[in-house]
Amino acid sequence: MEKVNSLSSRERYSEEINRIVDDMSLLDDDLMARVFENNIPATELLLQTILNMDLSVKESIGQMEFKSPVIDGRNIKLDIYATDSNGRQFNCEVQRRNSGADPKRVRYHSSMMDTRALQASELFTEIKDTYVIFITEKDYYNKGKPLYKVDRTVCFDDKEEPFSDGSHIVYVNGSYEGNDPLGQLMADFRNTTVDGFNNPILEKGVKHFKIDEGGRNIMCDTVEKYAEKIGKIERAEGREEGRTEGRAEGREKERILSIKNIMKKLQYTAEQAMELLEIPVSERSKYLSML
């Protein structure tokens, strides 16, 4: 009987993973990174549309890790890292929550790219431009604009002039619905289906990772590993919290904390979170009442 229940639970878990993949759009970093990785035409479309400039992409890498040059410094993973034929560097990120697009985070991304901008023998004047682009699901500045360009300026008494250090930051409003190339691009980023894209090259990439067996298996595996990692972290954090409580009370507190954090981080329902944590069905109504 236990074996049957275990199999049934695993099947439900697999269905949930597949549902998550079905509901993904290019605003989800896992899918976005896969679609644009090594996809030069798609990356050129993305950068040319947002930056309104002609460029030839040389490389495009998904989920590229930049290691801090200092001991115990913070490393980062870039959703998309690209370079062009002129040596310019580009980082494109997607964020569903505005909190993930804080200006100081953008600054850190920009500074990390600068650490690899020059060889030992090169002059500072030879440094190439860098572009950090954050596509946010909602309008970050809430001004109704399609995008916001951030460039340093020198302030004089009566005017400002460009600082011209070659560092560029762009916030893109992912909710923008204009009938222009940027509006069409953002509509494609919001699309959770595999049809109706404005840009065929993006539709082809999304279909590969959501329909083709090989690509879909990669996405399901990616989502499952991330969910399991989050589950392990939350269970460990919950156990630490529970150590100061009585055994039974501590276990309940551990589970409540884990359920809430998984719901927040993975945007799961309470039922989905409890499924991931393998909480017995007979106990779930109790935890629902405690949330």
Protein backbone atom coordinates (compact mmCIF):
# COMPACT_ATOMS: atom_id res chain seq x y z
CA MET A 1 0.00 0.00 0.00
CA GLU A 2 2.81 2.39 0.85
CA LYS A 3 4.45 1.69 -2.50
CA VAL A 4 1.24 2.60 -4.36
CA ASN A 5 0.87 5.83 -2.40
CA SER A 6 4.52 6.68 -3.02
CA LEU A 7 4.10 6.14 -6.76
CA SER A 8 0.92 8.22 -6.78
CA SER A 9 2.71 11.03 -4.97
CA ARG A 10 5.59 10.90 -7.45
CA GLU A 11 3.17 11.03 -10.36
CA ARG A 12 1.47 14.09 -8.89
CA TYR A 13 4.86 15.71 -8.39
CA SER A 14 5.80 15.00 -12.02
CA GLU A 15 2.51 16.50 -13.19
CA GLU A 16 3.23 19.61 -11.16
CA ILE A 17 6.69 19.99 -12.70
CA ASN A 18 5.15 19.69 -16.16
CA ARG A 19 2.48 22.26 -15.25
CA ILE A 20 5.19 24.71 -14.21
CA VAL A 21 6.98 24.25 -17.55
CA ASP A 22 3.68 24.73 -19.42
CA ASP A 23 3.05 28.01 -17.59
CA MET A 24 6.53 29.42 -18.21
CA SER A 25 7.21 32.45 -20.38
CA LEU A 26 10.38 34.25 -21.38
CA LEU A 27 9.94 36.28 -18.19
CA ASP A 28 11.10 33.15 -16.35
CA ASP A 29 14.88 33.18 -16.25
CA ASP A 30 15.29 29.40 -16.70
CA LEU A 31 13.39 29.38 -20.01
CA MET A 32 14.79 32.72 -21.14
CA ALA A 33 18.39 31.62 -20.59
CA ARG A 34 17.81 28.38 -22.51
CA VAL A 35 16.11 30.03 -25.47
CA PHE A 36 18.79 32.69 -25.96
CA GLU A 37 21.88 30.61 -25.14
CA ASN A 38 24.03 30.21 -28.28
CA ASN A 39 21.09 31.61 -30.25
CA ILE A 40 22.81 34.48 -32.04
CA PRO A 41 19.85 35.63 -34.19
CA ALA A 42 17.49 35.71 -31.19
CA THR A 43 20.02 37.61 -29.07
CA GLU A 44 20.59 40.13 -31.86
CA LEU A 45 16.83 40.64 -32.12
CA LEU A 46 16.60 41.19 -28.36
CA LEU A 47 19.46 43.68 -28.11
CA GLN A 48 18.73 45.56 -31.32
CA THR A 49 15.08 46.03 -30.37
CA ILE A 50 15.77 47.25 -26.84
CA LEU A 51 18.85 49.37 -27.59
CA ASN A 52 17.72 50.56 -31.04
CA MET A 53 21.20 50.05 -32.44
CA ASP A 54 22.81 47.93 -35.10
CA LEU A 55 25.13 45.27 -33.72
CA SER A 56 26.52 41.85 -34.55
CA VAL A 57 26.48 39.40 -31.64
CA LYS A 58 29.59 37.26 -31.30
CA GLU A 59 28.53 35.01 -28.41
CA SER A 60 25.51 34.51 -26.17
CA ILE A 61 25.75 32.50 -22.95
CA GLY A 62 22.94 31.59 -20.58
CA GLN A 63 23.30 31.48 -16.79
CA MET A 64 26.94 32.53 -16.94
CA GLU A 65 28.62 32.75 -13.55
CA PHE A 66 30.85 35.70 -12.74
CA LYS A 67 33.11 35.02 -9.80
CA SER A 68 34.07 37.83 -7.45
CA PRO A 69 37.75 38.80 -7.65
CA VAL A 70 37.94 39.04 -3.85
CA ILE A 71 37.98 36.23 -1.29
CA ASP A 72 34.48 35.52 0.04
CA GLY A 73 33.08 38.07 -2.41
CA ARG A 74 29.62 37.56 -3.88
CA ASN A 75 29.41 35.71 -7.19
CA ILE A 76 26.54 36.28 -9.61
CA LYS A 77 24.89 34.37 -12.45
CA LEU A 78 23.83 36.40 -15.47
CA ASP A 79 20.66 35.28 -17.25
CA ILE A 80 22.20 36.23 -20.58
CA TYR A 81 25.76 37.41 -21.18
CA ALA A 82 26.67 38.45 -24.72
CA THR A 83 29.45 40.20 -26.58
CA ASP A 84 29.42 41.76 -30.03
CA SER A 85 31.95 42.14 -32.84
CA ASN A 86 33.12 45.45 -31.37
CA GLY A 87 33.97 43.91 -27.99
CA ARG A 88 31.03 45.44 -26.15
CA GLN A 89 29.51 43.42 -23.29
CA PHE A 90 25.79 42.91 -22.66
CA ASN A 91 23.91 41.47 -19.69
CA CYS A 92 20.17 40.93 -19.99
CA GLU A 93 18.12 39.91 -16.94
CA VAL A 94 14.45 39.14 -16.40
CA GLN A 95 12.78 39.86 -13.07
CA ARG A 96 9.21 39.14 -12.05
CA ARG A 97 9.60 41.04 -8.79
CA ASN A 98 10.76 44.66 -8.73
CA SER A 99 12.79 43.89 -5.62
CA GLY A 100 15.09 41.80 -7.80
CA ALA A 101 15.91 44.83 -9.97
CA ASP A 102 17.19 47.17 -7.27
CA PRO A 103 19.55 49.83 -8.73
CA LYS A 104 22.38 48.64 -6.49
CA ARG A 105 22.06 45.15 -7.89
CA VAL A 106 22.24 46.61 -11.39
CA ARG A 107 25.37 48.52 -10.36
CA TYR A 108 26.95 45.29 -9.10
CA HIS A 109 26.24 43.51 -12.38
CA SER A 110 27.82 46.38 -14.28
CA SER A 111 30.90 46.44 -12.06
CA MET A 112 31.40 42.68 -12.41
CA MET A 113 31.49 43.00 -16.20
CA ASP A 114 34.06 45.79 -15.86
CA THR A 115 36.44 43.43 -14.06
CA ARG A 116 36.88 41.46 -17.29
CA ALA A 117 36.85 44.41 -19.70
CA LEU A 118 40.61 44.97 -20.04
CA GLN A 119 43.71 42.86 -20.51
CA ALA A 120 46.79 43.67 -18.42
CA SER A 121 48.49 45.53 -21.28
CA GLU A 122 45.47 47.60 -22.34
CA LEU A 123 44.90 51.26 -21.54
CA PHE A 124 41.85 52.45 -19.61
CA THR A 125 40.80 54.41 -22.68
CA GLU A 126 40.45 51.11 -24.55
CA ILE A 127 37.64 49.81 -22.35
CA LYS A 128 34.54 48.92 -24.35
CA ASP A 129 30.99 49.92 -23.51
CA THR A 130 28.88 47.72 -21.27
CA TYR A 131 25.09 47.42 -21.25
CA VAL A 132 23.04 46.03 -18.35
CA ILE A 133 19.39 45.45 -19.24
CA PHE A 134 16.73 44.51 -16.70
CA ILE A 135 13.38 43.44 -18.11
CA THR A 136 10.86 43.66 -15.27
CA GLU A 137 7.42 42.08 -15.39
CA LYS A 138 5.90 45.31 -14.10
CA ASP A 139 6.79 48.94 -14.75
CA TYR A 140 9.69 49.43 -12.31
CA TYR A 141 9.43 53.22 -12.20
CA ASN A 142 5.64 53.28 -12.65
CA LYS A 143 5.83 56.14 -15.16
CA GLY A 144 4.14 54.37 -18.07
CA LYS A 145 7.22 54.44 -20.28
CA PRO A 146 8.34 51.48 -22.43
CA LEU A 147 11.88 51.73 -21.09
CA TYR A 148 14.17 53.85 -18.95
CA LYS A 149 17.78 54.61 -19.86
CA VAL A 150 20.27 55.30 -17.11
CA ASP A 151 23.50 57.09 -18.00
CA ARG A 152 25.91 59.06 -15.82
CA THR A 153 26.10 62.81 -16.30
CA VAL A 154 28.33 65.66 -15.14
CA CYS A 155 26.36 68.41 -13.39
CA PHE A 156 27.25 72.05 -14.06
CA ASP A 157 25.52 75.13 -12.72
CA ASP A 158 23.06 75.46 -15.57
CA LYS A 159 23.17 72.12 -17.39
CA GLU A 160 24.23 68.49 -17.45
CA GLU A 161 26.54 66.81 -19.91
CA PRO A 162 27.22 63.12 -20.54
CA PHE A 163 29.97 61.59 -18.43
CA SER A 164 30.73 59.25 -21.35
CA ASP A 165 32.26 56.41 -19.33
CA GLY A 166 30.65 53.81 -21.61
CA SER A 167 28.49 52.29 -18.87
CA HIS A 168 24.82 51.95 -19.83
CA ILE A 169 21.81 50.69 -17.88
CA VAL A 170 18.32 50.10 -19.27
CA TYR A 171 15.13 49.13 -17.45
CA VAL A 172 12.53 47.63 -19.79
CA ASN A 173 8.84 47.70 -18.86
CA GLY A 174 7.70 44.13 -19.41
CA SER A 175 4.05 45.18 -19.26
CA TYR A 176 4.44 47.59 -22.21
CA GLU A 177 1.81 46.86 -24.90
CA GLY A 178 2.70 49.32 -27.65
CA ASN A 179 2.23 48.45 -31.32
CA ASP A 180 5.92 48.78 -32.13
CA PRO A 181 8.89 46.36 -32.17
CA LEU A 182 9.49 46.74 -28.41
CA GLY A 183 5.79 46.23 -27.61
CA GLN A 184 5.75 43.13 -29.81
CA LEU A 185 8.90 41.82 -28.14
CA MET A 186 7.39 42.27 -24.66
CA ALA A 187 4.19 40.54 -25.79
CA ASP A 188 6.37 37.58 -26.81
CA PHE A 189 8.07 37.63 -23.41
CA ARG A 190 4.67 37.46 -21.66
CA ASN A 191 3.35 34.66 -23.87
CA THR A 192 2.94 31.42 -21.88
CA THR A 193 1.82 29.39 -24.91
CA VAL A 194 3.86 28.11 -27.86
CA ASP A 195 1.91 29.96 -30.57
CA GLY A 196 1.03 33.51 -31.55
CA PHE A 197 4.49 35.03 -31.23
CA ASN A 198 5.33 38.19 -33.14
CA ASN A 199 8.90 37.02 -33.68
CA PRO A 200 9.14 33.53 -35.27
CA ILE A 201 12.68 33.00 -33.99
CA LEU A 202 11.47 33.30 -30.39
CA GLU A 203 8.48 31.04 -31.06
CA LYS A 204 10.83 28.40 -32.44
CA GLY A 205 13.03 28.54 -29.36
CA VAL A 206 10.12 28.36 -26.91
CA LYS A 207 8.55 25.45 -28.80
CA HIS A 208 11.81 23.52 -28.61
CA PHE A 209 11.99 23.75 -24.82
CA LYS A 210 8.26 23.31 -24.17
CA ILE A 211 7.24 20.75 -26.83
CA ASP A 212 10.23 18.91 -28.34
CA GLU A 213 11.06 15.92 -26.18
CA GLY A 214 14.74 16.74 -25.75
CA GLY A 215 14.18 20.40 -24.92
CA ARG A 216 11.22 19.74 -22.62
CA ASN A 217 13.17 17.12 -20.69
CA ILE A 218 15.90 19.72 -20.11
CA MET A 219 13.35 22.23 -18.76
CA CYS A 220 11.60 19.68 -16.54
CA ASP A 221 14.95 18.57 -15.14
CA THR A 222 15.97 22.19 -14.51
CA VAL A 223 12.72 23.01 -12.68
CA GLU A 224 12.81 19.79 -10.65
CA LYS A 225 16.39 20.35 -9.50
CA TYR A 226 15.61 23.93 -8.51
CA ALA A 227 12.47 22.88 -6.62
CA GLU A 228 14.35 20.13 -4.79
CA LYS A 229 17.14 22.54 -3.91
CA ILE A 230 14.69 25.08 -2.51
CA GLY A 231 12.90 22.32 -0.61
CA LYS A 232 16.14 21.12 1.00
CA ILE A 233 17.14 24.66 1.96
CA GLU A 234 13.76 25.40 3.49
CA ARG A 235 13.67 22.12 5.40
CA ALA A 236 17.14 22.84 6.79
CA GLU A 237 16.18 26.39 7.78
CA GLY A 238 12.99 25.12 9.36
CA ARG A 239 14.87 22.53 11.41
CA GLU A 240 17.18 25.26 12.68
CA GLU A 241 14.19 27.34 13.73
CA GLY A 242 12.55 24.31 15.32
CA ARG A 243 15.49 23.41 17.52
CA THR A 244 14.49 26.08 20.01
CA GLU A 245 10.93 24.69 20.23
CA GLY A 246 9.54 21.46 21.66
CA ARG A 247 9.91 18.46 19.36
CA ALA A 248 6.31 18.32 18.08
CA GLU A 249 5.83 22.10 18.08
CA GLY A 250 9.22 22.57 16.45
CA ARG A 251 8.35 20.14 13.64
CA GLU A 252 5.12 21.98 12.94
CA LYS A 253 6.90 25.33 12.90
CA GLU A 254 9.52 23.89 10.56
CA ARG A 255 6.87 22.74 8.12
CA ILE A 256 4.88 25.99 8.24
CA LEU A 257 8.03 28.01 7.57
CA SER A 258 9.00 25.72 4.70
CA ILE A 259 5.53 25.88 3.14
CA LYS A 260 5.43 29.68 3.29
CA ASN A 261 8.92 30.14 1.86
CA ILE A 262 8.35 27.69 -1.00
CA MET A 263 5.06 29.42 -1.83
CA LYS A 264 6.91 32.74 -1.95
CA LYS A 265 10.02 31.65 -3.83
CA LEU A 266 8.43 29.26 -6.34
CA GLN A 267 4.99 30.91 -6.52
CA TYR A 268 3.42 27.58 -5.51
CA THR A 269 0.02 27.09 -3.94
CA ALA A 270 -0.03 25.69 -0.41
CA GLU A 271 -1.02 22.27 -1.77
CA GLN A 272 1.84 22.28 -4.27
CA ALA A 273 4.31 23.27 -1.54
CA MET A 274 3.12 20.45 0.71
CA GLU A 275 3.40 18.02 -2.19
CA LEU A 276 7.02 19.07 -2.71
CA LEU A 277 7.74 18.65 1.00
CA GLU A 278 6.03 15.22 0.95
CA ILE A 279 3.70 16.11 3.81
CA PRO A 280 1.16 13.30 4.29
CA VAL A 281 -2.24 14.06 2.79
CA SER A 282 -3.91 13.32 6.13
CA GLU A 283 -2.01 16.20 7.77
CA ARG A 284 -2.44 18.85 5.10
CA SER A 285 -5.73 20.33 6.30
CA LYS A 286 -4.08 21.02 9.65
CA TYR A 287 -1.26 22.99 8.05
CA LEU A 288 -3.66 24.84 5.76
CA SER A 289 -5.49 26.11 8.82
CA MET A 290 -2.19 27.29 10.33
CA LEU A 291 -1.05 29.35 7.35
